[in-house]
């Protein structure tokens, strides 16, 4: 799910919206589950702040999902010189 529209603005504002975004995605997963998809077949993957949103999503689903994976890409550390 592309939640790009929810991340426009200052970083602090985006972080504050993370739980709400997670709840929104959870409602989508719950709706899909009502159509017959098992929560055992759902994996939520997030990168960077998306990892936190993945956690909020899993916490907000009506049932437990199979997997929640958070990936930190360390993009902010690429400019650090170790020499």
N, C-alpha and C. Protein backbone atom coordinates (compact mmCIF):
# COMPACT_ATOMS: atom_id res chain seq x y z
N UNK A 1 0.85 -1.16 0.00
CA UNK A 1 0.00 0.00 0.00
C UNK A 1 0.90 1.23 0.00
N UNK A 2 0.63 2.15 -0.86
CA UNK A 2 1.41 3.38 -0.94
C UNK A 2 0.77 4.43 -0.05
N UNK A 3 1.45 4.79 1.02
CA UNK A 3 0.90 5.79 1.94
C UNK A 3 1.61 7.12 1.77
N UNK A 4 2.20 7.37 0.60
CA UNK A 4 2.93 8.60 0.30
C UNK A 4 2.13 9.87 0.64
N UNK A 5 0.83 9.94 0.30
CA UNK A 5 0.11 11.17 0.65
C UNK A 5 0.11 11.47 2.15
N UNK A 6 0.25 10.46 2.98
CA UNK A 6 0.25 10.66 4.43
C UNK A 6 1.56 11.13 4.99
N UNK A 7 2.60 11.20 4.16
CA UNK A 7 3.92 11.59 4.67
C UNK A 7 4.35 12.97 4.23
N UNK A 8 3.46 13.72 3.63
CA UNK A 8 3.81 15.07 3.23
C UNK A 8 3.82 15.96 4.46
N UNK A 9 4.81 16.83 4.55
CA UNK A 9 4.91 17.74 5.69
C UNK A 9 6.19 17.51 6.47
N UNK A 10 6.26 18.12 7.63
CA UNK A 10 7.43 18.00 8.48
C UNK A 10 7.54 16.58 9.03
N UNK A 11 8.78 16.13 9.28
CA UNK A 11 9.00 14.78 9.77
C UNK A 11 8.28 14.53 11.09
N UNK A 12 8.28 15.50 11.98
CA UNK A 12 7.61 15.33 13.26
C UNK A 12 6.11 15.07 13.06
N UNK A 13 5.50 15.78 12.12
CA UNK A 13 4.08 15.58 11.84
C UNK A 13 3.82 14.19 11.28
N UNK A 14 4.72 13.73 10.43
CA UNK A 14 4.57 12.41 9.82
C UNK A 14 4.66 11.33 10.89
N UNK A 15 5.62 11.46 11.80
CA UNK A 15 5.76 10.49 12.89
C UNK A 15 4.50 10.47 13.75
N UNK A 16 3.93 11.63 14.00
CA UNK A 16 2.71 11.71 14.81
C UNK A 16 1.53 11.03 14.11
N UNK A 17 1.54 10.98 12.78
CA UNK A 17 0.45 10.34 12.03
C UNK A 17 0.65 8.84 11.87
N UNK A 18 1.80 8.29 12.26
CA UNK A 18 2.10 6.87 12.05
C UNK A 18 1.03 5.95 12.65
N UNK A 19 0.60 6.14 13.89
CA UNK A 19 -0.42 5.23 14.42
C UNK A 19 -1.72 5.27 13.61
N UNK A 20 -2.13 6.44 13.17
CA UNK A 20 -3.35 6.55 12.37
C UNK A 20 -3.22 5.87 11.03
N UNK A 21 -2.05 5.99 10.42
CA UNK A 21 -1.80 5.32 9.14
C UNK A 21 -1.86 3.81 9.35
N UNK A 22 -1.25 3.33 10.44
CA UNK A 22 -1.29 1.90 10.76
C UNK A 22 -2.71 1.39 10.94
N UNK A 23 -3.54 2.18 11.63
CA UNK A 23 -4.93 1.79 11.83
C UNK A 23 -5.69 1.75 10.50
N UNK A 24 -5.38 2.71 9.61
CA UNK A 24 -6.02 2.73 8.30
C UNK A 24 -5.67 1.47 7.51
N UNK A 25 -4.39 1.10 7.50
CA UNK A 25 -3.96 -0.10 6.78
C UNK A 25 -4.58 -1.34 7.42
N UNK A 26 -4.68 -1.35 8.75
CA UNK A 26 -5.29 -2.49 9.44
C UNK A 26 -6.75 -2.67 9.03
N UNK A 27 -7.47 -1.57 8.89
CA UNK A 27 -8.87 -1.67 8.43
C UNK A 27 -8.94 -2.31 7.04
N UNK A 28 -7.97 -1.97 6.18
CA UNK A 28 -7.92 -2.57 4.85
C UNK A 28 -7.67 -4.08 4.96
N UNK A 29 -6.72 -4.47 5.80
CA UNK A 29 -6.42 -5.90 5.97
C UNK A 29 -7.63 -6.63 6.54
N UNK A 30 -8.30 -6.02 7.52
CA UNK A 30 -9.50 -6.64 8.08
C UNK A 30 -10.59 -6.80 7.03
N UNK A 31 -10.73 -5.81 6.15
CA UNK A 31 -11.72 -5.90 5.07
C UNK A 31 -11.37 -7.04 4.12
N UNK A 32 -10.09 -7.16 3.76
CA UNK A 32 -9.66 -8.26 2.87
C UNK A 32 -9.91 -9.60 3.56
N UNK A 33 -9.69 -9.66 4.86
CA UNK A 33 -9.93 -10.91 5.60
C UNK A 33 -11.41 -11.29 5.57
N UNK A 34 -12.28 -10.29 5.58
CA UNK A 34 -13.72 -10.58 5.49
C UNK A 34 -14.08 -11.19 4.13
N UNK A 35 -13.26 -10.93 3.13
CA UNK A 35 -13.49 -11.50 1.80
C UNK A 35 -12.98 -12.93 1.69
N UNK A 36 -12.31 -13.42 2.74
CA UNK A 36 -11.88 -14.81 2.75
C UNK A 36 -10.39 -15.05 2.85
N UNK A 37 -9.58 -14.00 2.85
CA UNK A 37 -8.13 -14.18 2.98
C UNK A 37 -7.81 -14.42 4.45
N UNK A 38 -7.01 -15.42 4.74
CA UNK A 38 -6.65 -15.74 6.11
C UNK A 38 -5.55 -14.79 6.62
N UNK A 39 -5.67 -14.38 7.87
CA UNK A 39 -4.61 -13.57 8.49
C UNK A 39 -3.28 -14.33 8.50
N UNK A 40 -3.35 -15.66 8.46
CA UNK A 40 -2.14 -16.48 8.43
C UNK A 40 -1.36 -16.31 7.13
N UNK A 41 -1.99 -15.71 6.11
CA UNK A 41 -1.34 -15.49 4.83
C UNK A 41 -0.94 -14.03 4.61
N UNK A 42 -0.97 -13.23 5.66
CA UNK A 42 -0.66 -11.81 5.56
C UNK A 42 0.72 -11.53 6.14
N UNK A 43 1.54 -10.84 5.37
CA UNK A 43 2.84 -10.37 5.85
C UNK A 43 2.89 -8.87 5.62
N UNK A 44 3.25 -8.14 6.67
CA UNK A 44 3.37 -6.69 6.59
C UNK A 44 4.86 -6.35 6.60
N UNK A 45 5.32 -5.60 5.60
CA UNK A 45 6.73 -5.23 5.49
C UNK A 45 6.82 -3.71 5.44
N UNK A 46 7.71 -3.15 6.24
CA UNK A 46 7.91 -1.71 6.24
C UNK A 46 9.37 -1.36 6.26
N UNK A 47 9.71 -0.24 5.65
CA UNK A 47 11.09 0.25 5.60
C UNK A 47 11.15 1.57 6.35
N UNK A 48 12.13 1.70 7.22
CA UNK A 48 12.36 2.92 7.99
C UNK A 48 11.13 3.25 8.82
N UNK A 49 10.53 4.41 8.66
CA UNK A 49 9.33 4.76 9.42
C UNK A 49 8.20 3.78 9.11
N UNK A 50 8.21 3.23 7.92
CA UNK A 50 7.22 2.22 7.56
C UNK A 50 7.28 1.00 8.45
N UNK A 51 8.44 0.73 9.06
CA UNK A 51 8.55 -0.37 10.02
C UNK A 51 7.68 -0.11 11.23
N UNK A 52 7.68 1.13 11.70
CA UNK A 52 6.84 1.48 12.84
C UNK A 52 5.36 1.41 12.45
N UNK A 53 5.06 1.86 11.25
CA UNK A 53 3.68 1.79 10.77
C UNK A 53 3.25 0.34 10.64
N UNK A 54 4.16 -0.54 10.22
CA UNK A 54 3.85 -1.96 10.14
C UNK A 54 3.48 -2.51 11.51
N UNK A 55 4.21 -2.09 12.53
CA UNK A 55 3.90 -2.52 13.89
C UNK A 55 2.54 -2.04 14.35
N UNK A 56 2.23 -0.76 14.08
CA UNK A 56 0.92 -0.22 14.44
C UNK A 56 -0.18 -0.95 13.66
N UNK A 57 0.10 -1.30 12.42
CA UNK A 57 -0.88 -2.02 11.61
C UNK A 57 -1.18 -3.37 12.23
N UNK A 58 -0.13 -4.12 12.53
CA UNK A 58 -0.32 -5.44 13.15
C UNK A 58 -1.06 -5.36 14.47
N UNK A 59 -0.73 -4.36 15.26
CA UNK A 59 -1.38 -4.18 16.57
C UNK A 59 -2.87 -3.85 16.39
N UNK A 60 -3.21 -3.18 15.30
CA UNK A 60 -4.59 -2.70 15.10
C UNK A 60 -5.48 -3.68 14.36
N UNK A 61 -4.91 -4.74 13.78
CA UNK A 61 -5.72 -5.74 13.09
C UNK A 61 -6.58 -6.50 14.10
N UNK A 62 -7.74 -6.99 13.63
CA UNK A 62 -8.64 -7.73 14.51
C UNK A 62 -8.03 -9.06 14.97
N UNK A 63 -7.19 -9.66 14.15
CA UNK A 63 -6.50 -10.91 14.48
C UNK A 63 -5.02 -10.75 14.18
N UNK A 64 -4.22 -11.68 14.69
CA UNK A 64 -2.78 -11.63 14.44
C UNK A 64 -2.48 -11.98 12.99
N UNK A 65 -1.54 -11.22 12.39
CA UNK A 65 -1.07 -11.55 11.04
C UNK A 65 0.11 -12.50 11.17
N UNK A 66 0.48 -13.15 10.06
CA UNK A 66 1.54 -14.15 10.10
C UNK A 66 2.90 -13.53 10.42
N UNK A 67 3.26 -12.44 9.74
CA UNK A 67 4.58 -11.85 9.91
C UNK A 67 4.52 -10.33 9.84
N UNK A 68 5.39 -9.70 10.61
CA UNK A 68 5.62 -8.26 10.49
C UNK A 68 7.13 -8.11 10.36
N UNK A 69 7.58 -7.49 9.28
CA UNK A 69 9.00 -7.32 9.02
C UNK A 69 9.34 -5.84 8.94
N UNK A 70 10.31 -5.41 9.74
CA UNK A 70 10.79 -4.03 9.69
C UNK A 70 12.20 -3.98 9.16
N UNK A 71 12.44 -3.10 8.21
CA UNK A 71 13.76 -2.98 7.57
C UNK A 71 14.27 -1.57 7.79
N UNK A 72 15.49 -1.45 8.28
CA UNK A 72 16.12 -0.14 8.43
C UNK A 72 17.21 -0.05 7.38
N UNK A 73 17.08 0.91 6.48
CA UNK A 73 18.02 1.00 5.36
C UNK A 73 19.26 1.80 5.66
N UNK A 74 19.38 2.38 6.84
CA UNK A 74 20.57 3.14 7.25
C UNK A 74 20.94 4.23 6.27
N UNK A 75 20.01 4.75 5.53
CA UNK A 75 20.31 5.79 4.54
C UNK A 75 21.00 7.00 5.18
N UNK A 76 20.59 7.35 6.38
CA UNK A 76 21.16 8.52 7.04
C UNK A 76 22.64 8.33 7.40
N UNK A 77 23.09 7.08 7.47
CA UNK A 77 24.47 6.81 7.85
C UNK A 77 25.42 6.68 6.67
N UNK A 78 24.92 6.78 5.47
CA UNK A 78 25.76 6.61 4.28
C UNK A 78 26.80 7.72 4.15
N UNK A 79 26.54 8.86 4.72
CA UNK A 79 27.47 9.99 4.56
C UNK A 79 28.53 10.04 5.66
N UNK A 80 28.49 9.13 6.60
CA UNK A 80 29.48 9.13 7.68
C UNK A 80 30.80 8.58 7.15
N UNK A 81 31.87 9.30 7.37
CA UNK A 81 33.19 8.86 6.95
C UNK A 81 33.89 8.17 8.12
N UNK A 82 34.45 7.03 7.85
CA UNK A 82 35.15 6.26 8.89
C UNK A 82 36.66 6.37 8.77
N UNK A 83 37.16 7.31 8.00
CA UNK A 83 38.61 7.43 7.82
C UNK A 83 39.21 8.46 8.73
